[in-house]
Amino acid sequence: MIKKRIASLSFIVLGAVAASGAAQAQGTIKFGFVASLSGPFTIWGVQVRDGMKMAVDELNAKGGALGRKFELVERDDKNSPSEGVTAFRYLVEREGIVAAGGMISSGVGLAVSREAESLQVPLFLTMSGAHDILKKNSRYTFRTCLPAAPENMESIAALIKDKKYTRIGVIVADYAWGHSLREAVESLIKPLPGVKLQMEVAPVPEKDFTPYLRKLQGLDPELIIATGHPPGAPTITRQAIELGMKAQIIGPWYPTDFMVQRVGDSMFGRFVDYACVDFENQGYKQLAEKFFGTYKRLFDNNSFSGYVTVKMVADAIQKTKSADPKVIADAIRKGSFDQPGYGWPLAYTEWGEMKGAKPILYTYEKGSPGQVNPGADWHPKVIFRSPSVQPYVPKD
């Protein structure tokens, strides 16, 4: 009798250990964050990461998916293509991520996208808008916020036509995104009837844009496109105003809160920027209040892109009942994800460009922002909604 009880107890213990081992083998479903947490794109990266964190926390509060919790594993790409590739490979091979998001720099995004295609693990770009990142045979790289440079310039061309601007100044950075945007300006803005165009190229780490702006003064531009120089946008804006230039300045999808911090009150009425979030939507406002409650910052393009990336991947996992990266990528490519408050539903071409992207142009206006950004004395104001831009079709 005693022997039977011992045998029975041993069976129960062994069964429990086996079950525990199986559960551990399953583990968490891991998302990877790969973007800049140091260098010129740090503020973009921090916002994306924290948006991803908020989405992971929400999903886990509801029990996760497939009986498993979610986990965010982060790596700093240090604004270096080689560091980005190493970080992504580590997350795939050592951490077992099902997908990764972040990607701000186009130079880094270009290198990491090639690795994502090779390893067949989905990579979601927040910025990284260089048009040559995606190829016709891309199947694991997806844009989420910033459209490819030609699409982005298509929406700016619509603004130029709407406002009847004729004198356009442009400053771009000497790297992949700047070059891609320069090509788009030459093909989409330069041919516009009656438009005079002047373009200047500056290094990525440039701190003083006065010489470039002085070159533009002879044109007396009505619009300065700073979209092609993301790190320099605040300085370009401030120095253009200090030089007495009257131009409207359009930014590079810059982190909304930080633009005010870096330029100050002089930017009101002068600076406009594009967004993939609808600041007027109630769904956005609810998420923004929640984000501010935790991170004490405004929920912007970058944080919302990080948030929606995680939610979209989780939705694909739930619908397919699979955490296989290949299955996830296929489901996202063939499906659509509509997040309340986002600028447009996310749907994709076969190669990962967004279909139906409608960039939203906003400015900064004095006045209480309510609970989305308590303590601030300003708020974003939508001033132009772009028509749907055509997905960029790669040449190869």
Protein backbone atom coordinates (compact mmCIF):
# COMPACT_ATOMS: atom_id res chain seq x y z
CA MET A 1 0.00 0.00 0.00
CA ILE A 2 2.79 2.38 0.99
CA LYS A 3 4.72 1.48 -2.17
CA LYS A 4 1.65 2.28 -4.29
CA ARG A 5 1.27 5.69 -2.61
CA ILE A 6 4.96 6.49 -3.15
CA ALA A 7 4.71 5.44 -6.79
CA SER A 8 1.57 7.53 -7.23
CA LEU A 9 3.19 10.55 -5.58
CA SER A 10 6.29 10.16 -7.73
CA PHE A 11 4.12 10.08 -10.85
CA ILE A 12 2.35 13.29 -9.80
CA VAL A 13 5.65 15.06 -9.05
CA LEU A 14 7.20 13.95 -12.33
CA GLY A 15 4.07 15.07 -14.19
CA ALA A 16 4.19 18.48 -12.53
CA VAL A 17 7.88 18.88 -13.39
CA ALA A 18 7.21 17.88 -16.99
CA ALA A 19 4.32 20.34 -17.25
CA SER A 20 6.48 23.07 -15.75
CA GLY A 21 9.25 22.27 -18.21
CA ALA A 22 6.83 22.45 -21.12
CA ALA A 23 5.53 25.81 -19.91
CA GLN A 24 9.09 27.13 -19.60
CA ALA A 25 9.91 25.81 -23.05
CA GLN A 26 6.98 27.79 -24.40
CA GLY A 27 8.01 30.86 -22.42
CA THR A 28 6.99 34.37 -23.38
CA ILE A 29 6.27 35.65 -26.86
CA LYS A 30 9.08 38.14 -27.46
CA PHE A 31 8.98 41.37 -29.42
CA GLY A 32 12.28 43.04 -30.27
CA PHE A 33 12.97 46.76 -30.13
CA VAL A 34 15.88 47.81 -32.37
CA ALA A 35 16.46 51.55 -32.73
CA SER A 36 18.56 54.37 -31.37
CA LEU A 37 18.81 54.81 -27.61
CA SER A 38 21.95 56.91 -28.12
CA GLY A 39 23.12 59.36 -30.78
CA PRO A 40 21.13 61.89 -32.87
CA PHE A 41 17.94 59.81 -33.06
CA THR A 42 17.67 59.01 -29.33
CA ILE A 43 14.44 60.90 -28.69
CA TRP A 44 12.71 59.08 -31.54
CA GLY A 45 13.92 55.73 -30.24
CA VAL A 46 12.87 56.29 -26.63
CA GLN A 47 9.36 57.24 -27.72
CA VAL A 48 8.99 54.14 -29.92
CA ARG A 49 10.26 51.86 -27.17
CA ASP A 50 7.88 53.26 -24.59
CA GLY A 51 4.92 52.96 -26.95
CA MET A 52 5.82 49.30 -27.43
CA LYS A 53 6.08 48.87 -23.66
CA MET A 54 2.59 50.27 -23.15
CA ALA A 55 1.14 47.87 -25.71
CA VAL A 56 2.91 44.88 -24.13
CA ASP A 57 1.58 45.85 -20.69
CA GLU A 58 -1.97 46.13 -22.07
CA LEU A 59 -1.78 42.75 -23.78
CA ASN A 60 -0.40 41.04 -20.68
CA ALA A 61 -3.10 42.59 -18.51
CA LYS A 62 -5.58 40.76 -20.76
CA GLY A 63 -3.73 37.45 -20.51
CA GLY A 64 -1.39 37.64 -23.50
CA ALA A 65 -1.99 35.26 -26.40
CA LEU A 66 -1.96 31.51 -26.95
CA GLY A 67 -1.70 31.06 -23.19
CA ARG A 68 1.58 32.99 -23.11
CA LYS A 69 2.58 36.46 -21.95
CA PHE A 70 4.41 38.98 -24.12
CA GLU A 71 7.88 40.38 -23.45
CA LEU A 72 9.78 43.30 -24.97
CA VAL A 73 13.53 42.84 -25.47
CA GLU A 74 15.43 45.98 -26.46
CA ARG A 75 18.73 46.73 -28.15
CA ASP A 76 20.35 50.06 -29.05
CA ASP A 77 21.44 50.25 -32.69
CA LYS A 78 23.69 53.24 -31.78
CA ASN A 79 22.74 54.78 -35.14
CA SER A 80 25.14 52.32 -36.79
CA PRO A 81 24.18 49.88 -39.58
CA SER A 82 26.61 47.23 -38.31
CA GLU A 83 25.39 47.62 -34.72
CA GLY A 84 21.81 47.40 -35.94
CA VAL A 85 22.46 44.18 -37.84
CA THR A 86 24.29 42.65 -34.86
CA ALA A 87 21.47 43.66 -32.51
CA PHE A 88 18.76 42.25 -34.77
CA ARG A 89 20.62 38.98 -35.30
CA TYR A 90 21.11 38.64 -31.53
CA LEU A 91 17.41 39.19 -30.87
CA VAL A 92 16.44 36.58 -33.45
CA GLU A 93 19.04 33.92 -32.73
CA ARG A 94 19.49 34.31 -28.97
CA GLU A 95 16.18 35.76 -27.77
CA GLY A 96 13.84 34.11 -30.26
CA ILE A 97 11.80 37.21 -31.10
CA VAL A 98 8.78 36.84 -33.37
CA ALA A 99 9.11 40.40 -34.76
CA ALA A 100 11.01 43.65 -34.19
CA GLY A 101 10.05 47.31 -34.36
CA GLY A 102 11.74 50.68 -34.02
CA MET A 103 14.02 51.65 -36.89
CA ILE A 104 14.47 55.40 -37.18
CA SER A 105 17.57 55.98 -39.32
CA SER A 106 17.27 55.04 -42.98
CA GLY A 107 20.90 53.97 -43.12
CA VAL A 108 20.38 51.53 -40.27
CA GLY A 109 16.97 50.48 -41.55
CA LEU A 110 18.43 49.62 -44.96
CA ALA A 111 21.03 47.28 -43.43
CA VAL A 112 18.71 45.67 -40.88
CA SER A 113 15.95 45.11 -43.44
CA ARG A 114 18.33 42.95 -45.48
CA GLU A 115 19.00 40.88 -42.35
CA ALA A 116 15.27 40.58 -41.62
CA GLU A 117 14.65 39.27 -45.13
CA SER A 118 17.51 36.78 -44.76
CA LEU A 119 16.38 35.52 -41.33
CA GLN A 120 12.67 35.69 -42.32
CA VAL A 121 11.58 37.60 -39.21
CA PRO A 122 9.26 40.64 -39.55
CA LEU A 123 10.82 44.09 -39.12
CA PHE A 124 8.61 47.17 -38.70
CA LEU A 125 9.97 50.61 -39.59
CA THR A 126 8.76 53.64 -37.64
CA MET A 127 10.71 56.17 -39.71
CA SER A 128 13.49 54.88 -42.06
CA GLY A 129 11.77 56.36 -45.11
CA ALA A 130 14.46 55.84 -47.77
CA HIS A 131 12.65 54.45 -50.80
CA ASP A 132 15.28 51.79 -51.56
CA ILE A 133 14.82 49.94 -48.25
CA LEU A 134 12.00 47.88 -49.71
CA LYS A 135 12.52 45.74 -52.81
CA LYS A 136 9.88 43.99 -54.91
CA ASN A 137 10.85 40.71 -53.26
CA SER A 138 10.71 42.09 -49.69
CA ARG A 139 8.36 40.00 -47.57
CA TYR A 140 9.43 40.67 -43.98
CA THR A 141 9.92 44.46 -43.85
CA PHE A 142 6.96 46.80 -43.27
CA ARG A 143 6.53 50.55 -42.86
CA THR A 144 4.20 51.76 -40.10
CA CYS A 145 4.34 55.57 -39.91
CA LEU A 146 6.62 57.50 -42.26
CA PRO A 147 5.84 56.68 -45.90
CA ALA A 148 8.67 56.20 -48.39
CA ALA A 149 10.27 59.48 -49.47
CA PRO A 150 8.35 59.73 -52.78
CA GLU A 151 5.03 59.23 -50.95
CA ASN A 152 6.06 61.74 -48.29
CA MET A 153 6.93 64.31 -50.94
CA GLU A 154 3.65 63.57 -52.71
CA SER A 155 1.80 64.85 -49.64
CA ILE A 156 4.05 67.94 -49.46
CA ALA A 157 3.35 68.59 -53.15
CA ALA A 158 -0.36 68.51 -52.31
CA LEU A 159 0.26 71.10 -49.58
CA ILE A 160 2.23 73.34 -51.96
CA LYS A 161 -0.62 73.25 -54.46
CA ASP A 162 -3.21 73.87 -51.74
CA LYS A 163 -1.34 76.89 -50.31
CA LYS A 164 -0.17 78.10 -53.75
CA TYR A 165 3.49 78.33 -52.67
CA THR A 166 5.92 79.22 -55.49
CA ARG A 167 9.31 79.66 -53.75
CA ILE A 168 10.57 76.53 -52.02
CA GLY A 169 13.82 76.09 -50.06
CA VAL A 170 15.06 72.64 -49.06
CA ILE A 171 17.74 71.43 -46.63
CA VAL A 172 18.58 67.73 -46.60
CA ALA A 173 21.10 65.64 -44.65
CA ASP A 174 23.92 63.76 -46.33
CA TYR A 175 22.70 60.21 -45.65
CA ALA A 176 20.20 57.68 -47.04
CA TRP A 177 16.98 59.47 -46.06
CA GLY A 178 18.28 62.87 -47.17
CA HIS A 179 19.37 61.53 -50.55
CA SER A 180 16.09 59.67 -51.02
CA LEU A 181 14.11 62.80 -50.19
CA ARG A 182 16.28 64.93 -52.49
CA GLU A 183 15.42 62.61 -55.39
CA ALA A 184 11.73 62.87 -54.51
CA VAL A 185 11.91 66.69 -54.40
CA GLU A 186 13.53 66.77 -57.82
CA SER A 187 10.92 64.47 -59.34
CA LEU A 188 7.77 65.75 -57.60
CA ILE A 189 8.34 69.38 -56.51
CA LYS A 190 10.73 70.78 -59.10
CA PRO A 191 8.35 70.12 -62.06
CA LEU A 192 5.40 71.93 -60.42
CA PRO A 193 4.30 74.88 -62.61
CA GLY A 194 5.61 78.24 -61.39
CA VAL A 195 7.70 76.77 -58.55
CA LYS A 196 11.25 78.04 -57.94
CA LEU A 197 13.35 75.57 -55.97
CA GLN A 198 16.70 75.76 -54.19
CA MET A 199 18.24 72.84 -52.28
CA GLU A 200 21.15 72.64 -49.83
CA VAL A 201 22.88 69.52 -48.44
CA ALA A 202 24.33 69.47 -44.90
CA PRO A 203 26.12 66.80 -42.82
CA VAL A 204 23.95 64.76 -40.44
CA PRO A 205 25.69 66.10 -37.27
CA GLU A 206 25.61 69.75 -38.45
CA LYS A 207 24.94 72.17 -35.57
CA ASP A 208 24.93 75.52 -37.38
CA PHE A 209 22.63 75.94 -40.38
CA THR A 210 23.14 79.69 -40.75
CA PRO A 211 25.38 79.32 -43.85
CA TYR A 212 22.81 77.13 -45.59
CA LEU A 213 19.94 79.44 -44.68
CA ARG A 214 21.85 82.51 -45.90
CA LYS A 215 22.19 80.80 -49.28
CA LEU A 216 18.40 80.44 -49.33
CA GLN A 217 17.72 84.07 -48.38
CA GLY A 218 18.15 85.26 -51.96
CA LEU A 219 15.20 83.07 -52.95
CA ASP A 220 13.08 84.45 -50.09
CA PRO A 221 11.30 81.07 -49.74
CA GLU A 222 7.67 80.84 -48.68
CA LEU A 223 8.25 77.27 -47.52
CA ILE A 224 11.42 75.63 -46.17
CA ILE A 225 11.31 71.84 -46.31
CA ALA A 226 13.46 70.58 -43.42
CA THR A 227 11.96 67.10 -43.74
CA GLY A 228 15.21 65.71 -45.14
CA HIS A 229 17.30 66.67 -42.10
CA PRO A 230 15.58 65.16 -39.03
CA PRO A 231 18.24 65.92 -36.37
CA GLY A 232 18.67 69.49 -37.65
CA ALA A 233 15.01 70.52 -37.85
CA PRO A 234 14.86 72.41 -34.50
CA THR A 235 18.04 74.36 -35.26
CA ILE A 236 16.95 75.09 -38.83
CA THR A 237 13.65 76.43 -37.51
CA ARG A 238 15.20 78.57 -34.78
CA GLN A 239 17.97 80.01 -36.96
CA ALA A 240 15.62 80.76 -39.87
CA ILE A 241 13.47 82.81 -37.51
CA GLU A 242 16.54 84.54 -36.03
CA LEU A 243 17.64 85.51 -39.55
CA GLY A 244 14.27 87.17 -40.11
CA MET A 245 13.10 84.70 -42.73
CA LYS A 246 9.31 84.62 -43.06
CA ALA A 247 8.99 81.13 -44.51
CA GLN A 248 6.77 78.41 -43.11
CA ILE A 249 9.02 75.52 -42.08
CA ILE A 250 7.93 71.92 -42.49
CA GLY A 251 9.55 69.29 -40.32
CA PRO A 252 10.71 65.67 -40.48
CA TRP A 253 8.01 63.94 -38.45
CA TYR A 254 9.90 65.24 -35.40
CA PRO A 255 8.88 64.12 -31.87
CA THR A 256 6.14 66.65 -31.11
CA ASP A 257 6.87 67.45 -27.46
CA PHE A 258 10.60 67.84 -28.02
CA MET A 259 10.24 70.33 -30.85
CA VAL A 260 8.69 72.86 -28.47
CA GLN A 261 11.39 72.19 -25.88
CA ARG A 262 14.18 72.78 -28.39
CA VAL A 263 12.84 75.80 -30.26
CA GLY A 264 10.54 77.59 -27.81
CA ASP A 265 7.71 80.03 -28.37
CA SER A 266 9.18 81.51 -31.54
CA MET A 267 8.08 78.41 -33.47
CA PHE A 268 4.35 78.98 -32.95
CA GLY A 269 2.74 79.90 -36.23
CA ARG A 270 5.95 79.12 -38.12
CA PHE A 271 6.58 75.38 -37.85
CA VAL A 272 4.38 72.61 -39.21
CA ASP A 273 4.96 68.88 -39.33
CA TYR A 274 3.40 65.65 -40.53
CA ALA A 275 1.92 62.89 -38.41
CA CYS A 276 0.63 59.34 -38.65
CA VAL A 277 -1.63 60.02 -35.67
CA ASP A 278 -4.93 61.88 -35.62
CA PHE A 279 -4.63 64.32 -32.72
CA GLU A 280 -8.35 65.14 -32.96
CA ASN A 281 -9.54 61.54 -32.62
CA GLN A 282 -11.03 60.44 -29.29
CA GLY A 283 -9.25 57.09 -29.54
CA TYR A 284 -5.93 58.92 -29.74
CA LYS A 285 -6.79 61.12 -26.77
CA GLN A 286 -7.60 58.14 -24.56
CA LEU A 287 -4.30 56.44 -25.36
CA ALA A 288 -2.39 59.72 -24.97
CA GLU A 289 -3.80 60.25 -21.48
CA LYS A 290 -2.75 56.74 -20.51
CA PHE A 291 0.74 57.16 -21.99
CA PHE A 292 1.28 60.47 -20.21
CA GLY A 293 0.14 58.92 -16.94
CA THR A 294 3.05 56.48 -17.14
CA TYR A 295 5.80 58.23 -19.08
CA LYS A 296 5.01 61.93 -18.51
CA ARG A 297 5.45 62.67 -22.21
CA LEU A 298 3.17 63.31 -25.17
CA PHE A 299 2.01 60.26 -27.14
CA ASP A 300 3.38 61.13 -30.59
CA ASN A 301 4.09 59.56 -33.99
CA ASN A 302 6.88 57.43 -32.64
CA SER A 303 5.22 56.15 -29.49
CA PHE A 304 1.98 55.42 -31.36
CA SER A 305 3.90 53.62 -34.11
CA GLY A 306 5.60 51.43 -31.49
CA TYR A 307 2.26 50.78 -29.83
CA VAL A 308 0.43 49.88 -33.03
CA THR A 309 3.27 47.63 -34.20
CA VAL A 310 2.96 45.44 -31.11
CA LYS A 311 -0.85 45.44 -31.28
CA MET A 312 -0.83 44.51 -34.98
CA VAL A 313 1.60 41.62 -34.44
CA ALA A 314 -0.44 40.39 -31.45
CA ASP A 315 -3.60 40.58 -33.56
CA ALA A 316 -1.95 38.43 -36.25
CA ILE A 317 -0.87 35.90 -33.60
CA GLN A 318 -4.40 35.69 -32.21
CA LYS A 319 -6.02 35.32 -35.63
CA THR A 320 -3.62 32.68 -36.93
CA LYS A 321 -3.10 30.98 -33.54
CA SER A 322 0.60 30.94 -34.37
CA ALA A 323 3.71 32.75 -33.13
CA ASP A 324 5.74 31.63 -36.15
CA PRO A 325 7.40 34.74 -37.68
CA LYS A 326 6.66 33.53 -41.22
CA VAL A 327 2.97 33.06 -40.44
CA ILE A 328 2.83 36.48 -38.75
CA ALA A 329 4.43 38.24 -41.73
CA ASP A 330 2.07 36.54 -44.18
CA ALA A 331 -1.01 37.44 -42.11
CA ILE A 332 0.00 41.10 -41.84
CA ARG A 333 0.83 41.36 -45.53
CA LYS A 334 -2.58 39.97 -46.50
CA GLY A 335 -4.68 41.60 -43.78
CA SER A 336 -5.49 45.04 -42.38
CA PHE A 337 -5.23 46.51 -38.89
CA ASP A 338 -7.32 49.49 -37.83
CA GLN A 339 -6.29 51.13 -34.55
CA PRO A 340 -8.60 53.95 -33.34
CA GLY A 341 -6.70 57.23 -33.33
CA TYR A 342 -4.07 56.16 -35.83
CA GLY A 343 -3.89 58.20 -39.03
CA TRP A 344 -5.07 55.38 -41.30
CA PRO A 345 -5.69 51.61 -41.21
CA LEU A 346 -2.48 49.65 -41.80
CA ALA A 347 -2.68 47.52 -44.94
CA TYR A 348 0.20 46.52 -47.16
CA THR A 349 1.43 45.84 -50.64
CA GLU A 350 3.13 42.50 -51.23
CA TRP A 351 6.51 44.17 -50.56
CA GLY A 352 5.55 46.00 -47.35
CA GLU A 353 4.65 49.55 -48.39
CA MET A 354 1.57 51.02 -46.71
CA LYS A 355 -1.59 51.19 -48.81
CA GLY A 356 -3.84 54.19 -48.29
CA ALA A 357 -1.48 56.25 -46.12
CA LYS A 358 -2.90 59.73 -45.46
CA PRO A 359 -0.28 61.90 -43.72
CA ILE A 360 -1.77 64.56 -41.46
CA LEU A 361 -0.23 68.04 -41.31
CA TYR A 362 -0.38 69.86 -37.99
CA THR A 363 0.95 72.98 -36.34
CA TYR A 364 1.40 74.08 -32.74
CA GLU A 365 -1.18 76.32 -31.11
CA LYS A 366 -1.23 78.04 -27.74
CA GLY A 367 -3.87 76.74 -25.34
CA SER A 368 -4.52 73.94 -22.90
CA PRO A 369 -3.97 70.40 -24.25
CA GLY A 370 -6.17 68.88 -21.55
CA GLN A 371 -5.14 65.55 -20.08
CA VAL A 372 -3.14 64.37 -23.09
CA ASN A 373 -0.21 66.57 -22.02
CA PRO A 374 -0.93 68.17 -18.61
CA GLY A 375 1.20 71.17 -17.73
CA ALA A 376 1.83 72.24 -21.32
CA ASP A 377 0.42 75.53 -22.63
CA TRP A 378 0.15 74.38 -26.24
CA HIS A 379 -1.41 71.62 -28.29
CA PRO A 380 -1.09 70.16 -31.81
CA LYS A 381 -3.67 71.50 -34.27
CA VAL A 382 -4.50 69.64 -37.49
CA ILE A 383 -4.41 72.02 -40.47
CA PHE A 384 -4.26 69.74 -43.53
CA ARG A 385 -5.22 66.17 -44.30
CA SER A 386 -3.39 64.73 -47.26
CA PRO A 387 -5.25 62.61 -49.79
CA SER A 388 -4.16 58.97 -49.89
CA VAL A 389 -0.67 58.73 -51.31
CA GLN A 390 0.21 56.03 -53.82
CA PRO A 391 2.39 53.20 -52.47
CA TYR A 392 5.91 53.42 -53.84
CA VAL A 393 6.70 50.65 -56.31
CA PRO A 394 10.37 49.58 -56.17
CA LYS A 395 12.32 49.48 -59.42
CA ASP A 396 13.83 46.12 -58.52
